[in-house]
C-alpha atoms as a PDB file:
ATOM      1  CA  UNK A   1      39.200  -4.613 -29.390  1.00  0.00           C
ATOM      2  CA  UNK A   2      35.908  -6.453 -29.117  1.00  0.00           C
ATOM      3  CA  UNK A   3      37.577  -9.216 -27.118  1.00  0.00           C
ATOM      4  CA  UNK A   4      38.903  -6.668 -24.608  1.00  0.00           C
ATOM      5  CA  UNK A   5      35.428  -5.204 -24.142  1.00  0.00           C
ATOM      6  CA  UNK A   6      33.923  -8.663 -23.656  1.00  0.00           C
ATOM      7  CA  UNK A   7      36.607  -9.565 -21.097  1.00  0.00           C
ATOM      8  CA  UNK A   8      36.050  -6.269 -19.244  1.00  0.00           C
ATOM      9  CA  UNK A   9      32.282  -6.805 -19.129  1.00  0.00           C
ATOM     10  CA  UNK A  10      32.745 -10.397 -17.957  1.00  0.00           C
ATOM     11  CA  UNK A  11      34.995  -9.241 -15.109  1.00  0.00           C
ATOM     12  CA  UNK A  12      32.452  -6.561 -14.140  1.00  0.00           C
ATOM     13  CA  UNK A  13      29.633  -9.120 -14.066  1.00  0.00           C
ATOM     14  CA  UNK A  14      31.798 -11.569 -12.104  1.00  0.00           C
ATOM     15  CA  UNK A  15      32.628  -8.885  -9.514  1.00  0.00           C
ATOM     16  CA  UNK A  16      29.076  -7.493  -9.389  1.00  0.00           C
ATOM     17  CA  UNK A  17      28.500  -8.659  -5.775  1.00  0.00           C
ATOM     18  CA  UNK A  18      31.670  -6.840  -4.693  1.00  0.00           C
ATOM     19  CA  UNK A  19      30.659  -3.729  -6.631  1.00  0.00           C
ATOM     20  CA  UNK A  20      27.199  -3.760  -5.008  1.00  0.00           C
ATOM     21  CA  UNK A  21      28.704  -4.236  -1.530  1.00  0.00           C
ATOM     22  CA  UNK A  22      31.123  -1.377  -2.090  1.00  0.00           C
ATOM     23  CA  UNK A  23      28.431   0.934  -3.453  1.00  0.00           C
ATOM     24  CA  UNK A  24      26.146   0.174  -0.495  1.00  0.00           C
ATOM     25  CA  UNK A  25      29.077   0.491   1.953  1.00  0.00           C
ATOM     26  CA  UNK A  26      28.124  -2.696   3.771  1.00  0.00           C
ATOM     27  CA  UNK A  27      30.065  -3.705   6.868  1.00  0.00           C
ATOM     28  CA  UNK A  28      31.510  -6.948   5.487  1.00  0.00           C
ATOM     29  CA  UNK A  29      32.815  -5.764   2.106  1.00  0.00           C
ATOM     30  CA  UNK A  30      36.062  -7.736   2.348  1.00  0.00           C
ATOM     31  CA  UNK A  31      34.298 -10.950   3.303  1.00  0.00           C
ATOM     32  CA  UNK A  32      31.975 -10.536   0.332  1.00  0.00           C
ATOM     33  CA  UNK A  33      35.002  -9.864  -1.879  1.00  0.00           C
ATOM     34  CA  UNK A  34      36.688 -13.035  -0.590  1.00  0.00           C
ATOM     35  CA  UNK A  35      33.574 -15.133  -1.202  1.00  0.00           C
ATOM     36  CA  UNK A  36      33.139 -13.566  -4.626  1.00  0.00           C
ATOM     37  CA  UNK A  37      36.729 -14.209  -5.721  1.00  0.00           C
ATOM     38  CA  UNK A  38      37.164 -17.647  -4.144  1.00  0.00           C
ATOM     39  CA  UNK A  39      33.735 -19.199  -4.756  1.00  0.00           C
ATOM     40  CA  UNK A  40      32.251 -16.891  -7.359  1.00  0.00           C
ATOM     41  CA  UNK A  41      33.225 -19.244 -10.165  1.00  0.00           C
ATOM     42  CA  UNK A  42      30.468 -21.528  -8.941  1.00  0.00           C
ATOM     43  CA  UNK A  43      27.040 -20.150  -9.620  1.00  0.00           C
ATOM     44  CA  UNK A  44      26.009 -20.822  -6.016  1.00  0.00           C
ATOM     45  CA  UNK A  45      28.980 -18.857  -4.632  1.00  0.00           C
ATOM     46  CA  UNK A  46      28.293 -15.928  -6.935  1.00  0.00           C
ATOM     47  CA  UNK A  47      24.583 -15.810  -6.069  1.00  0.00           C
ATOM     48  CA  UNK A  48      25.416 -16.172  -2.364  1.00  0.00           C
ATOM     49  CA  UNK A  49      27.821 -13.227  -2.531  1.00  0.00           C
ATOM     50  CA  UNK A  50      25.257 -11.135  -4.403  1.00  0.00           C
ATOM     51  CA  UNK A  51      22.486 -11.924  -1.916  1.00  0.00           C
ATOM     52  CA  UNK A  52      24.837 -11.164   0.975  1.00  0.00           C
ATOM     53  CA  UNK A  53      25.831  -7.827  -0.611  1.00  0.00           C
ATOM     54  CA  UNK A  54      22.194  -6.846  -1.040  1.00  0.00           C
ATOM     55  CA  UNK A  55      20.901  -8.167   2.295  1.00  0.00           C
ATOM     56  CA  UNK A  56      23.704  -6.898   4.560  1.00  0.00           C
ATOM     57  CA  UNK A  57      23.022  -3.623   6.314  1.00  0.00           C
ATOM     58  CA  UNK A  58      25.120  -0.623   5.382  1.00  0.00           C
ATOM     59  CA  UNK A  59      27.899   0.229   7.836  1.00  0.00           C
ATOM     60  CA  UNK A  60      27.254   2.622  10.705  1.00  0.00           C
ATOM     61  CA  UNK A  61      28.852   6.022  10.190  1.00  0.00           C
ATOM     62  CA  UNK A  62      30.003   6.031  13.804  1.00  0.00           C
ATOM     63  CA  UNK A  63      32.291   3.068  13.114  1.00  0.00           C
ATOM     64  CA  UNK A  64      34.171   4.727  10.266  1.00  0.00           C
ATOM     65  CA  UNK A  65      37.125   6.875  11.359  1.00  0.00           C
ATOM     66  CA  UNK A  66      36.975  10.473  10.209  1.00  0.00           C
ATOM     67  CA  UNK A  67      39.887  12.193   8.433  1.00  0.00           C
ATOM     68  CA  UNK A  68      41.075  13.526  11.799  1.00  0.00           C
ATOM     69  CA  UNK A  69      41.528   9.941  12.990  1.00  0.00           C
ATOM     70  CA  UNK A  70      38.817   9.924  15.654  1.00  0.00           C
ATOM     71  CA  UNK A  71      35.361   8.454  15.452  1.00  0.00           C
ATOM     72  CA  UNK A  72      32.674  10.923  14.288  1.00  0.00           C
ATOM     73  CA  UNK A  73      30.533  10.165  17.343  1.00  0.00           C
ATOM     74  CA  UNK A  74      33.411  11.236  19.605  1.00  0.00           C
ATOM     75  CA  UNK A  75      33.855  14.444  17.627  1.00  0.00           C
ATOM     76  CA  UNK A  76      30.131  15.126  17.894  1.00  0.00           C
ATOM     77  CA  UNK A  77      30.209  14.510  21.639  1.00  0.00           C
ATOM     78  CA  UNK A  78      33.143  16.893  22.047  1.00  0.00           C
ATOM     79  CA  UNK A  79      31.357  19.553  20.010  1.00  0.00           C
ATOM     80  CA  UNK A  80      28.176  19.160  22.054  1.00  0.00           C
ATOM     81  CA  UNK A  81      30.119  19.402  25.312  1.00  0.00           C
ATOM     82  CA  UNK A  82      31.924  22.529  24.117  1.00  0.00           C
ATOM     83  CA  UNK A  83      28.693  24.098  22.944  1.00  0.00           C
ATOM     84  CA  UNK A  84      26.736  23.216  26.091  1.00  0.00           C
ATOM     85  CA  UNK A  85      29.755  23.959  28.342  1.00  0.00           C
ATOM     86  CA  UNK A  86      29.541  20.562  30.011  1.00  0.00           C
ATOM     87  CA  UNK A  87      32.623  19.541  31.948  1.00  0.00           C
ATOM     88  CA  UNK A  88      34.287  16.329  30.751  1.00  0.00           C
ATOM     89  CA  UNK A  89      34.078  13.274  32.985  1.00  0.00           C
END
């Protein structure tokens, strides 16, 4: 039981850069994951992935598709046009 807990904690520490990138919703999450998995066994690769996860800017909400399948900025534009009664181009 103790061995399983130690292994779980070791995996969590090893994947910490990926966890940080995911929590911050950075734009290059998959690249950070790839660096973490492929070069994380070296201390330099792990630190590099962690620094990248912390330093990268969070993704722009306009680039993430909404549940309806369109970009939120397009939905907002359509709502503003409908509200202001502006004719589409």
